[in-house]
Amino acid sequence: MNKETIIKISDLAKIDIKDDQIDDILTSLEKILNLVDEMNSVNTDNVTPMSHPLNLKQELRKDIVGASDERELFQKNNIHTDNGYYIVPKIID
């Protein structure tokens, strides 16, 4: 990682970085990349993947149908309906 790389990344990302910020950004990115390298060096072959760090289980509700089709009730007060469908303006030719 060098200053030219920082400038190229900021240009590609359309981020305006001032010249006096480049050194600080370079230092921060190097620290991040070093941390990633350190994490990649850890052997995780015998570690079971987790979906959540606290190993929580999501409690799901029972799948019970609770509401019926109330389309006619909802469309009763709308004049822009036809045969159960809502009539909307055409937007694509």
N, C-alpha and C. Protein backbone atom coordinates (compact mmCIF):
# COMPACT_ATOMS: atom_id res chain seq x y z
N MET A 1 0.86 -1.17 0.00
CA MET A 1 0.00 0.00 0.00
C MET A 1 0.90 1.23 0.00
N ASN A 2 0.61 2.14 -0.92
CA ASN A 2 1.38 3.37 -0.98
C ASN A 2 0.45 4.54 -1.32
N LYS A 3 1.02 5.74 -1.39
CA LYS A 3 0.20 6.94 -1.63
C LYS A 3 -0.49 6.89 -2.98
N GLU A 4 0.19 6.35 -3.99
CA GLU A 4 -0.41 6.27 -5.32
C GLU A 4 -1.65 5.38 -5.31
N THR A 5 -1.59 4.29 -4.53
CA THR A 5 -2.73 3.38 -4.42
C THR A 5 -3.90 4.09 -3.74
N ILE A 6 -3.62 4.85 -2.70
CA ILE A 6 -4.67 5.61 -2.00
C ILE A 6 -5.32 6.59 -2.97
N ILE A 7 -4.53 7.29 -3.75
CA ILE A 7 -5.05 8.27 -4.70
C ILE A 7 -5.90 7.56 -5.76
N LYS A 8 -5.44 6.41 -6.24
CA LYS A 8 -6.18 5.67 -7.26
C LYS A 8 -7.51 5.16 -6.70
N ILE A 9 -7.49 4.62 -5.48
CA ILE A 9 -8.73 4.14 -4.86
C ILE A 9 -9.71 5.29 -4.65
N SER A 10 -9.22 6.42 -4.17
CA SER A 10 -10.11 7.56 -3.94
C SER A 10 -10.68 8.08 -5.24
N ASP A 11 -9.91 8.01 -6.31
CA ASP A 11 -10.41 8.43 -7.63
C ASP A 11 -11.49 7.47 -8.12
N LEU A 12 -11.25 6.17 -7.99
CA LEU A 12 -12.23 5.18 -8.43
C LEU A 12 -13.53 5.26 -7.62
N ALA A 13 -13.39 5.55 -6.33
CA ALA A 13 -14.55 5.64 -5.45
C ALA A 13 -15.19 7.03 -5.47
N LYS A 14 -14.60 7.93 -6.22
CA LYS A 14 -15.08 9.32 -6.31
C LYS A 14 -15.14 9.98 -4.94
N ILE A 15 -14.07 9.75 -4.16
CA ILE A 15 -13.95 10.34 -2.83
C ILE A 15 -12.86 11.40 -2.89
N ASP A 16 -13.20 12.58 -2.44
CA ASP A 16 -12.25 13.68 -2.44
C ASP A 16 -11.38 13.59 -1.18
N ILE A 17 -10.11 13.30 -1.37
CA ILE A 17 -9.17 13.22 -0.25
C ILE A 17 -8.13 14.31 -0.43
N LYS A 18 -7.95 15.09 0.62
CA LYS A 18 -6.95 16.16 0.58
C LYS A 18 -5.56 15.56 0.77
N ASP A 19 -4.56 16.25 0.26
CA ASP A 19 -3.19 15.76 0.33
C ASP A 19 -2.71 15.53 1.76
N ASP A 20 -3.19 16.37 2.69
CA ASP A 20 -2.74 16.21 4.08
C ASP A 20 -3.42 15.04 4.79
N GLN A 21 -4.43 14.43 4.17
CA GLN A 21 -5.12 13.28 4.76
C GLN A 21 -4.54 11.94 4.30
N ILE A 22 -3.77 11.95 3.23
CA ILE A 22 -3.29 10.71 2.61
C ILE A 22 -2.44 9.89 3.58
N ASP A 23 -1.54 10.52 4.30
CA ASP A 23 -0.67 9.78 5.23
C ASP A 23 -1.48 9.09 6.33
N ASP A 24 -2.48 9.81 6.88
CA ASP A 24 -3.31 9.21 7.93
C ASP A 24 -4.13 8.04 7.38
N ILE A 25 -4.66 8.20 6.19
CA ILE A 25 -5.45 7.13 5.57
C ILE A 25 -4.56 5.94 5.27
N LEU A 26 -3.37 6.19 4.78
CA LEU A 26 -2.43 5.12 4.48
C LEU A 26 -2.10 4.32 5.74
N THR A 27 -1.85 5.03 6.85
CA THR A 27 -1.55 4.35 8.11
C THR A 27 -2.74 3.52 8.59
N SER A 28 -3.94 4.07 8.49
CA SER A 28 -5.14 3.35 8.92
C SER A 28 -5.38 2.11 8.07
N LEU A 29 -5.24 2.24 6.77
CA LEU A 29 -5.45 1.08 5.88
C LEU A 29 -4.40 0.00 6.11
N GLU A 30 -3.17 0.40 6.37
CA GLU A 30 -2.12 -0.59 6.66
C GLU A 30 -2.44 -1.35 7.94
N LYS A 31 -2.95 -0.65 8.96
CA LYS A 31 -3.34 -1.31 10.20
C LYS A 31 -4.47 -2.31 9.95
N ILE A 32 -5.44 -1.91 9.14
CA ILE A 32 -6.57 -2.80 8.83
C ILE A 32 -6.08 -4.02 8.08
N LEU A 33 -5.24 -3.83 7.08
CA LEU A 33 -4.74 -4.95 6.29
C LEU A 33 -3.86 -5.87 7.14
N ASN A 34 -3.09 -5.32 8.06
CA ASN A 34 -2.29 -6.14 8.97
C ASN A 34 -3.18 -6.98 9.88
N LEU A 35 -4.28 -6.39 10.35
CA LEU A 35 -5.21 -7.13 11.19
C LEU A 35 -5.86 -8.27 10.39
N VAL A 36 -6.22 -8.01 9.14
CA VAL A 36 -6.80 -9.05 8.29
C VAL A 36 -5.79 -10.17 8.07
N ASP A 37 -4.55 -9.82 7.82
CA ASP A 37 -3.51 -10.84 7.66
C ASP A 37 -3.36 -11.68 8.93
N GLU A 38 -3.40 -11.02 10.08
CA GLU A 38 -3.29 -11.73 11.35
C GLU A 38 -4.47 -12.68 11.54
N MET A 39 -5.68 -12.24 11.20
CA MET A 39 -6.85 -13.10 11.34
C MET A 39 -6.80 -14.27 10.36
N ASN A 40 -6.27 -14.03 9.17
CA ASN A 40 -6.15 -15.11 8.18
C ASN A 40 -5.12 -16.16 8.59
N SER A 41 -4.19 -15.78 9.44
CA SER A 41 -3.16 -16.73 9.84
C SER A 41 -3.64 -17.71 10.92
N VAL A 42 -4.79 -17.45 11.52
CA VAL A 42 -5.32 -18.32 12.56
C VAL A 42 -5.90 -19.57 11.92
N ASN A 43 -5.57 -20.73 12.49
CA ASN A 43 -6.06 -22.00 11.98
C ASN A 43 -7.51 -22.20 12.45
N THR A 44 -8.42 -22.27 11.51
CA THR A 44 -9.84 -22.44 11.84
C THR A 44 -10.40 -23.74 11.26
N ASP A 45 -9.53 -24.71 11.00
CA ASP A 45 -9.97 -25.96 10.37
C ASP A 45 -10.99 -26.72 11.23
N ASN A 46 -10.84 -26.73 12.53
CA ASN A 46 -11.73 -27.49 13.39
C ASN A 46 -12.78 -26.63 14.08
N VAL A 47 -13.01 -25.45 13.54
CA VAL A 47 -13.99 -24.54 14.13
C VAL A 47 -15.28 -24.62 13.32
N THR A 48 -16.38 -24.89 14.01
CA THR A 48 -17.68 -24.98 13.35
C THR A 48 -18.19 -23.57 13.06
N PRO A 49 -18.61 -23.31 11.83
CA PRO A 49 -19.14 -21.97 11.50
C PRO A 49 -20.39 -21.67 12.31
N MET A 50 -20.53 -20.41 12.68
CA MET A 50 -21.69 -19.98 13.44
C MET A 50 -22.50 -18.99 12.64
N SER A 51 -23.80 -18.97 12.85
CA SER A 51 -24.63 -17.97 12.18
C SER A 51 -24.76 -16.70 13.01
N HIS A 52 -24.40 -16.80 14.29
CA HIS A 52 -24.48 -15.65 15.18
C HIS A 52 -23.41 -15.81 16.27
N PRO A 53 -22.73 -14.74 16.65
CA PRO A 53 -21.65 -14.88 17.63
C PRO A 53 -22.13 -15.33 19.02
N LEU A 54 -23.40 -15.13 19.32
CA LEU A 54 -23.91 -15.52 20.64
C LEU A 54 -24.62 -16.87 20.59
N ASN A 55 -24.61 -17.53 19.45
CA ASN A 55 -25.21 -18.84 19.26
C ASN A 55 -26.67 -18.86 19.71
N LEU A 56 -27.40 -17.82 19.29
CA LEU A 56 -28.81 -17.70 19.63
C LEU A 56 -29.66 -18.46 18.63
N LYS A 57 -30.86 -18.84 19.05
CA LYS A 57 -31.80 -19.50 18.16
C LYS A 57 -32.99 -18.58 17.97
N GLN A 58 -33.41 -18.41 16.73
CA GLN A 58 -34.53 -17.54 16.45
C GLN A 58 -35.84 -18.28 16.73
N GLU A 59 -36.63 -17.69 17.61
CA GLU A 59 -37.92 -18.27 17.93
C GLU A 59 -38.92 -17.85 16.86
N LEU A 60 -39.47 -18.81 16.16
CA LEU A 60 -40.42 -18.51 15.09
C LEU A 60 -41.84 -18.72 15.57
N ARG A 61 -42.74 -17.92 15.05
CA ARG A 61 -44.15 -18.10 15.39
C ARG A 61 -44.73 -19.24 14.56
N LYS A 62 -45.85 -19.76 14.99
CA LYS A 62 -46.52 -20.80 14.23
C LYS A 62 -47.09 -20.19 12.96
N ASP A 63 -47.02 -20.92 11.88
CA ASP A 63 -47.50 -20.44 10.58
C ASP A 63 -48.99 -20.71 10.46
N ILE A 64 -49.78 -19.79 11.00
CA ILE A 64 -51.23 -19.93 11.00
C ILE A 64 -51.82 -18.79 10.19
N VAL A 65 -52.71 -19.13 9.27
CA VAL A 65 -53.38 -18.11 8.46
C VAL A 65 -54.33 -17.36 9.38
N GLY A 66 -54.18 -16.04 9.42
CA GLY A 66 -54.99 -15.25 10.33
C GLY A 66 -55.93 -14.30 9.64
N ALA A 67 -55.64 -13.90 8.43
CA ALA A 67 -56.48 -12.93 7.75
C ALA A 67 -57.01 -13.55 6.46
N SER A 68 -58.22 -13.15 6.12
CA SER A 68 -58.79 -13.64 4.87
C SER A 68 -58.60 -12.59 3.78
N ASP A 69 -59.01 -12.94 2.58
CA ASP A 69 -58.89 -12.02 1.45
C ASP A 69 -59.92 -10.91 1.62
N GLU A 70 -59.46 -9.71 1.81
CA GLU A 70 -60.35 -8.57 2.00
C GLU A 70 -60.21 -7.56 0.86
N ARG A 71 -59.91 -8.07 -0.33
CA ARG A 71 -59.70 -7.19 -1.47
C ARG A 71 -60.92 -6.32 -1.75
N GLU A 72 -62.11 -6.92 -1.73
CA GLU A 72 -63.32 -6.15 -2.02
C GLU A 72 -63.51 -5.02 -1.01
N LEU A 73 -63.22 -5.28 0.25
CA LEU A 73 -63.34 -4.24 1.28
C LEU A 73 -62.37 -3.11 1.01
N PHE A 74 -61.14 -3.44 0.64
CA PHE A 74 -60.13 -2.40 0.39
C PHE A 74 -60.43 -1.62 -0.88
N GLN A 75 -60.99 -2.29 -1.88
CA GLN A 75 -61.25 -1.63 -3.16
C GLN A 75 -62.61 -0.94 -3.21
N LYS A 76 -63.42 -1.13 -2.20
CA LYS A 76 -64.77 -0.58 -2.18
C LYS A 76 -64.76 0.95 -2.32
N ASN A 77 -63.81 1.61 -1.70
CA ASN A 77 -63.77 3.07 -1.70
C ASN A 77 -62.82 3.63 -2.76
N ASN A 78 -62.38 2.81 -3.68
CA ASN A 78 -61.45 3.25 -4.72
C ASN A 78 -62.13 3.09 -6.08
N ILE A 79 -62.25 4.20 -6.80
CA ILE A 79 -62.92 4.13 -8.11
C ILE A 79 -61.98 3.63 -9.20
N HIS A 80 -60.69 3.53 -8.91
CA HIS A 80 -59.70 3.11 -9.91
C HIS A 80 -59.42 1.62 -9.81
N THR A 81 -60.47 0.81 -9.90
CA THR A 81 -60.32 -0.64 -9.89
C THR A 81 -61.10 -1.25 -11.03
N ASP A 82 -60.69 -2.42 -11.45
CA ASP A 82 -61.39 -3.13 -12.51
C ASP A 82 -61.18 -4.63 -12.31
N ASN A 83 -62.26 -5.34 -12.05
CA ASN A 83 -62.22 -6.79 -11.92
C ASN A 83 -61.20 -7.26 -10.87
N GLY A 84 -61.11 -6.54 -9.75
CA GLY A 84 -60.22 -6.93 -8.67
C GLY A 84 -58.81 -6.37 -8.77
N TYR A 85 -58.52 -5.61 -9.82
CA TYR A 85 -57.18 -5.03 -10.00
C TYR A 85 -57.25 -3.51 -9.83
N TYR A 86 -56.15 -2.92 -9.40
CA TYR A 86 -56.05 -1.48 -9.32
C TYR A 86 -55.62 -0.94 -10.68
N ILE A 87 -56.25 0.14 -11.12
CA ILE A 87 -55.92 0.78 -12.38
C ILE A 87 -54.92 1.90 -12.08
N VAL A 88 -53.76 1.83 -12.74
CA VAL A 88 -52.71 2.84 -12.54
C VAL A 88 -52.33 3.44 -13.89
N PRO A 89 -51.76 4.64 -13.89
CA PRO A 89 -51.36 5.24 -15.16
C PRO A 89 -50.25 4.43 -15.83
N LYS A 90 -50.28 4.39 -17.16
CA LYS A 90 -49.25 3.71 -17.92
C LYS A 90 -47.97 4.53 -17.85
N ILE A 91 -46.85 3.88 -17.52
CA ILE A 91 -45.59 4.61 -17.42
C ILE A 91 -44.54 4.09 -18.40
N ILE A 92 -44.77 2.95 -19.00
CA ILE A 92 -43.84 2.42 -19.99
C ILE A 92 -44.60 2.20 -21.29
N ASP A 93 -44.07 2.75 -22.37
CA ASP A 93 -44.73 2.57 -23.68
C ASP A 93 -44.42 1.23 -24.27
